[in-house]
């Protein structure tokens, strides 16, 4: 077992635009899935949140890898004031 000595590890998870300049959740589905018209339907009250997320998650490209998501996330800028 590897021992970590005096190493601080910080993990930030942001999918609503708090840490980043763009909403990572929205950008992820724009890049790898089908974001519209579902986002507009949700905002108009024509789609509930449960169905919205179910549709978005099912729209993600087949074969999407951890590396694809890492490469994508590397393109998103952080808010310098966070």
N, C-alpha and C. Protein backbone atom coordinates (compact mmCIF):
# COMPACT_ATOMS: atom_id res chain seq x y z
N UNK A 1 0.84 -1.17 0.00
CA UNK A 1 0.00 0.00 0.00
C UNK A 1 0.89 1.24 0.00
N UNK A 2 0.57 2.17 -0.89
CA UNK A 2 1.34 3.40 -0.99
C UNK A 2 0.89 4.39 0.09
N UNK A 3 1.85 4.97 0.78
CA UNK A 3 1.55 5.93 1.83
C UNK A 3 1.81 7.35 1.30
N UNK A 4 0.83 8.22 1.53
CA UNK A 4 0.98 9.61 1.14
C UNK A 4 1.42 10.40 2.36
N UNK A 5 2.54 11.05 2.24
CA UNK A 5 3.08 11.80 3.37
C UNK A 5 2.86 13.29 3.18
N UNK A 6 2.13 13.87 4.12
CA UNK A 6 1.92 15.31 4.14
C UNK A 6 1.47 15.89 2.80
N UNK A 7 0.58 15.20 2.14
CA UNK A 7 0.06 15.68 0.87
C UNK A 7 -1.39 16.11 1.06
N UNK A 8 -1.67 17.34 0.71
CA UNK A 8 -3.04 17.82 0.75
C UNK A 8 -3.66 17.60 -0.61
N UNK A 9 -4.82 17.01 -0.62
CA UNK A 9 -5.53 16.78 -1.85
C UNK A 9 -6.84 17.54 -1.78
N UNK A 10 -7.12 18.33 -2.80
CA UNK A 10 -8.36 19.10 -2.87
C UNK A 10 -9.11 18.67 -4.12
N UNK A 11 -10.36 18.36 -3.96
CA UNK A 11 -11.20 17.96 -5.08
C UNK A 11 -12.38 18.92 -5.14
N UNK A 12 -12.57 19.54 -6.30
CA UNK A 12 -13.69 20.43 -6.52
C UNK A 12 -14.56 19.83 -7.61
N UNK A 13 -15.83 19.81 -7.38
CA UNK A 13 -16.77 19.29 -8.36
C UNK A 13 -17.78 20.39 -8.65
N UNK A 14 -17.90 20.76 -9.92
CA UNK A 14 -18.77 21.87 -10.28
C UNK A 14 -19.55 21.54 -11.53
N UNK A 15 -20.87 21.50 -11.42
CA UNK A 15 -21.70 21.29 -12.59
C UNK A 15 -22.78 22.35 -12.71
N UNK A 16 -22.59 23.48 -12.03
CA UNK A 16 -23.61 24.52 -12.13
C UNK A 16 -23.02 25.91 -12.38
N UNK A 17 -21.76 25.98 -12.74
CA UNK A 17 -21.16 27.27 -13.06
C UNK A 17 -20.66 28.05 -11.86
N UNK A 18 -20.48 27.42 -10.73
CA UNK A 18 -19.98 28.11 -9.54
C UNK A 18 -18.47 28.33 -9.62
N UNK A 19 -17.75 27.33 -10.05
CA UNK A 19 -16.29 27.38 -10.10
C UNK A 19 -15.80 27.76 -11.50
N UNK A 20 -16.57 27.41 -12.49
CA UNK A 20 -16.15 27.63 -13.88
C UNK A 20 -16.97 28.74 -14.51
N UNK A 21 -16.48 29.25 -15.64
CA UNK A 21 -17.17 30.33 -16.33
C UNK A 21 -18.40 29.83 -17.10
N UNK A 22 -18.44 28.54 -17.38
CA UNK A 22 -19.58 27.93 -18.07
C UNK A 22 -20.13 26.81 -17.20
N UNK A 23 -21.41 26.53 -17.36
CA UNK A 23 -22.04 25.43 -16.64
C UNK A 23 -21.54 24.12 -17.24
N UNK A 24 -20.74 23.36 -16.48
CA UNK A 24 -20.14 22.13 -17.00
C UNK A 24 -21.18 21.10 -17.41
N UNK A 25 -22.25 21.00 -16.65
CA UNK A 25 -23.31 20.04 -17.00
C UNK A 25 -23.90 20.36 -18.35
N UNK A 26 -24.27 21.62 -18.56
CA UNK A 26 -24.82 22.02 -19.85
C UNK A 26 -23.82 21.79 -20.97
N UNK A 27 -22.60 22.20 -20.75
CA UNK A 27 -21.57 22.08 -21.79
C UNK A 27 -21.28 20.62 -22.13
N UNK A 28 -21.32 19.76 -21.13
CA UNK A 28 -21.09 18.33 -21.35
C UNK A 28 -22.14 17.76 -22.30
N UNK A 29 -23.42 18.08 -22.05
CA UNK A 29 -24.48 17.56 -22.90
C UNK A 29 -24.50 18.23 -24.27
N UNK A 30 -24.08 19.47 -24.36
CA UNK A 30 -23.95 20.13 -25.66
C UNK A 30 -22.89 19.44 -26.50
N UNK A 31 -21.81 19.03 -25.86
CA UNK A 31 -20.68 18.41 -26.56
C UNK A 31 -20.91 16.94 -26.90
N UNK A 32 -21.47 16.19 -25.97
CA UNK A 32 -21.54 14.73 -26.12
C UNK A 32 -22.96 14.16 -26.21
N UNK A 33 -23.95 15.02 -26.12
CA UNK A 33 -25.33 14.53 -26.15
C UNK A 33 -26.22 15.46 -26.93
N UNK A 34 -27.48 15.51 -26.51
CA UNK A 34 -28.47 16.38 -27.15
C UNK A 34 -29.04 17.29 -26.07
N UNK A 35 -28.66 18.55 -26.11
CA UNK A 35 -29.06 19.52 -25.08
C UNK A 35 -30.39 20.19 -25.42
N UNK A 36 -30.52 20.61 -26.64
CA UNK A 36 -31.76 21.23 -27.11
C UNK A 36 -32.50 20.25 -28.00
N UNK A 37 -33.78 20.25 -27.95
CA UNK A 37 -34.72 21.22 -27.40
C UNK A 37 -35.07 21.00 -25.93
N UNK A 38 -34.44 20.02 -25.29
CA UNK A 38 -34.86 19.61 -23.95
C UNK A 38 -34.67 20.68 -22.89
N UNK A 39 -33.60 21.45 -22.99
CA UNK A 39 -33.39 22.52 -22.02
C UNK A 39 -34.49 23.56 -22.13
N UNK A 40 -34.86 23.92 -23.34
CA UNK A 40 -35.94 24.90 -23.54
C UNK A 40 -37.27 24.36 -23.05
N UNK A 41 -37.52 23.07 -23.28
CA UNK A 41 -38.76 22.46 -22.81
C UNK A 41 -38.82 22.45 -21.28
N UNK A 42 -37.69 22.20 -20.63
CA UNK A 42 -37.64 22.23 -19.17
C UNK A 42 -37.94 23.64 -18.66
N UNK A 43 -37.30 24.63 -19.24
CA UNK A 43 -37.51 26.02 -18.82
C UNK A 43 -38.94 26.49 -19.05
N UNK A 44 -39.58 25.95 -20.09
CA UNK A 44 -40.96 26.33 -20.39
C UNK A 44 -41.97 25.57 -19.54
N UNK A 45 -41.49 24.62 -18.73
CA UNK A 45 -42.38 23.85 -17.88
C UNK A 45 -43.06 22.71 -18.60
N UNK A 46 -42.59 22.41 -19.81
CA UNK A 46 -43.19 21.34 -20.61
C UNK A 46 -42.52 19.99 -20.37
N UNK A 47 -41.49 19.98 -19.57
CA UNK A 47 -40.75 18.76 -19.26
C UNK A 47 -40.34 18.84 -17.79
N UNK A 48 -40.57 17.77 -17.04
CA UNK A 48 -40.17 17.80 -15.63
C UNK A 48 -38.69 17.43 -15.50
N UNK A 49 -38.11 17.73 -14.36
CA UNK A 49 -36.67 17.56 -14.16
C UNK A 49 -36.24 16.10 -14.26
N UNK A 50 -37.08 15.19 -13.78
CA UNK A 50 -36.75 13.77 -13.85
C UNK A 50 -36.63 13.32 -15.30
N UNK A 51 -37.63 13.65 -16.10
CA UNK A 51 -37.59 13.26 -17.53
C UNK A 51 -36.46 13.98 -18.27
N UNK A 52 -36.22 15.23 -17.90
CA UNK A 52 -35.14 16.00 -18.51
C UNK A 52 -33.80 15.29 -18.35
N UNK A 53 -33.46 14.92 -17.11
CA UNK A 53 -32.17 14.27 -16.86
C UNK A 53 -32.12 12.88 -17.48
N UNK A 54 -33.21 12.19 -17.48
CA UNK A 54 -33.26 10.86 -18.09
C UNK A 54 -32.97 10.97 -19.59
N UNK A 55 -33.60 11.92 -20.25
CA UNK A 55 -33.39 12.12 -21.69
C UNK A 55 -31.95 12.54 -21.96
N UNK A 56 -31.45 13.51 -21.19
CA UNK A 56 -30.09 13.99 -21.42
C UNK A 56 -29.07 12.87 -21.23
N UNK A 57 -29.20 12.12 -20.16
CA UNK A 57 -28.24 11.04 -19.89
C UNK A 57 -28.30 9.97 -20.98
N UNK A 58 -29.50 9.66 -21.43
CA UNK A 58 -29.64 8.68 -22.50
C UNK A 58 -29.15 9.19 -23.85
N UNK A 59 -29.00 10.51 -23.97
CA UNK A 59 -28.54 11.08 -25.24
C UNK A 59 -27.01 11.06 -25.39
N UNK A 60 -26.30 10.76 -24.32
CA UNK A 60 -24.83 10.75 -24.39
C UNK A 60 -24.35 9.73 -25.41
N UNK A 61 -23.33 10.11 -26.12
CA UNK A 61 -22.77 9.26 -27.18
C UNK A 61 -22.32 7.91 -26.63
N UNK A 62 -22.60 6.89 -27.38
CA UNK A 62 -22.13 5.55 -27.04
C UNK A 62 -20.61 5.53 -27.16
N UNK A 63 -19.96 4.90 -26.21
CA UNK A 63 -18.50 4.79 -26.25
C UNK A 63 -17.77 5.96 -25.63
N UNK A 64 -18.49 6.86 -24.98
CA UNK A 64 -17.86 7.99 -24.31
C UNK A 64 -16.94 7.46 -23.21
N UNK A 65 -15.71 7.93 -23.19
CA UNK A 65 -14.73 7.41 -22.24
C UNK A 65 -14.35 8.46 -21.20
N UNK A 66 -13.70 7.98 -20.17
CA UNK A 66 -13.17 8.86 -19.13
C UNK A 66 -12.19 9.86 -19.75
N UNK A 67 -11.42 9.40 -20.69
CA UNK A 67 -10.44 10.27 -21.36
C UNK A 67 -11.14 11.36 -22.17
N UNK A 68 -12.27 11.02 -22.81
CA UNK A 68 -13.04 12.02 -23.55
C UNK A 68 -13.50 13.13 -22.62
N UNK A 69 -14.02 12.74 -21.45
CA UNK A 69 -14.52 13.72 -20.50
C UNK A 69 -13.38 14.54 -19.92
N UNK A 70 -12.23 13.92 -19.65
CA UNK A 70 -11.05 14.64 -19.14
C UNK A 70 -10.57 15.67 -20.15
N UNK A 71 -10.47 15.26 -21.40
CA UNK A 71 -10.02 16.17 -22.45
C UNK A 71 -10.99 17.36 -22.58
N UNK A 72 -12.28 17.05 -22.53
CA UNK A 72 -13.30 18.10 -22.59
C UNK A 72 -13.18 19.05 -21.40
N UNK A 73 -13.06 18.51 -20.20
CA UNK A 73 -13.01 19.35 -19.00
C UNK A 73 -11.77 20.24 -18.97
N UNK A 74 -10.72 19.81 -19.62
CA UNK A 74 -9.50 20.63 -19.70
C UNK A 74 -9.70 21.89 -20.53
N UNK A 75 -10.79 21.96 -21.32
CA UNK A 75 -11.06 23.14 -22.15
C UNK A 75 -11.89 24.19 -21.43
N UNK A 76 -12.39 23.86 -20.25
CA UNK A 76 -13.28 24.78 -19.52
C UNK A 76 -12.45 25.65 -18.57
N UNK A 77 -12.69 26.95 -18.64
CA UNK A 77 -11.95 27.92 -17.82
C UNK A 77 -12.56 28.06 -16.43
N UNK A 78 -11.69 28.22 -15.45
CA UNK A 78 -12.11 28.45 -14.07
C UNK A 78 -12.40 29.95 -13.87
N UNK A 79 -13.30 30.24 -12.96
CA UNK A 79 -13.56 31.62 -12.55
C UNK A 79 -12.40 32.04 -11.66
N UNK A 80 -11.65 33.06 -12.05
CA UNK A 80 -10.46 33.45 -11.29
C UNK A 80 -10.81 33.99 -9.90
N UNK A 81 -12.09 34.32 -9.68
CA UNK A 81 -12.51 34.86 -8.39
C UNK A 81 -13.01 33.79 -7.43
N UNK A 82 -13.03 32.52 -7.89
CA UNK A 82 -13.50 31.45 -7.01
C UNK A 82 -12.50 31.21 -5.91
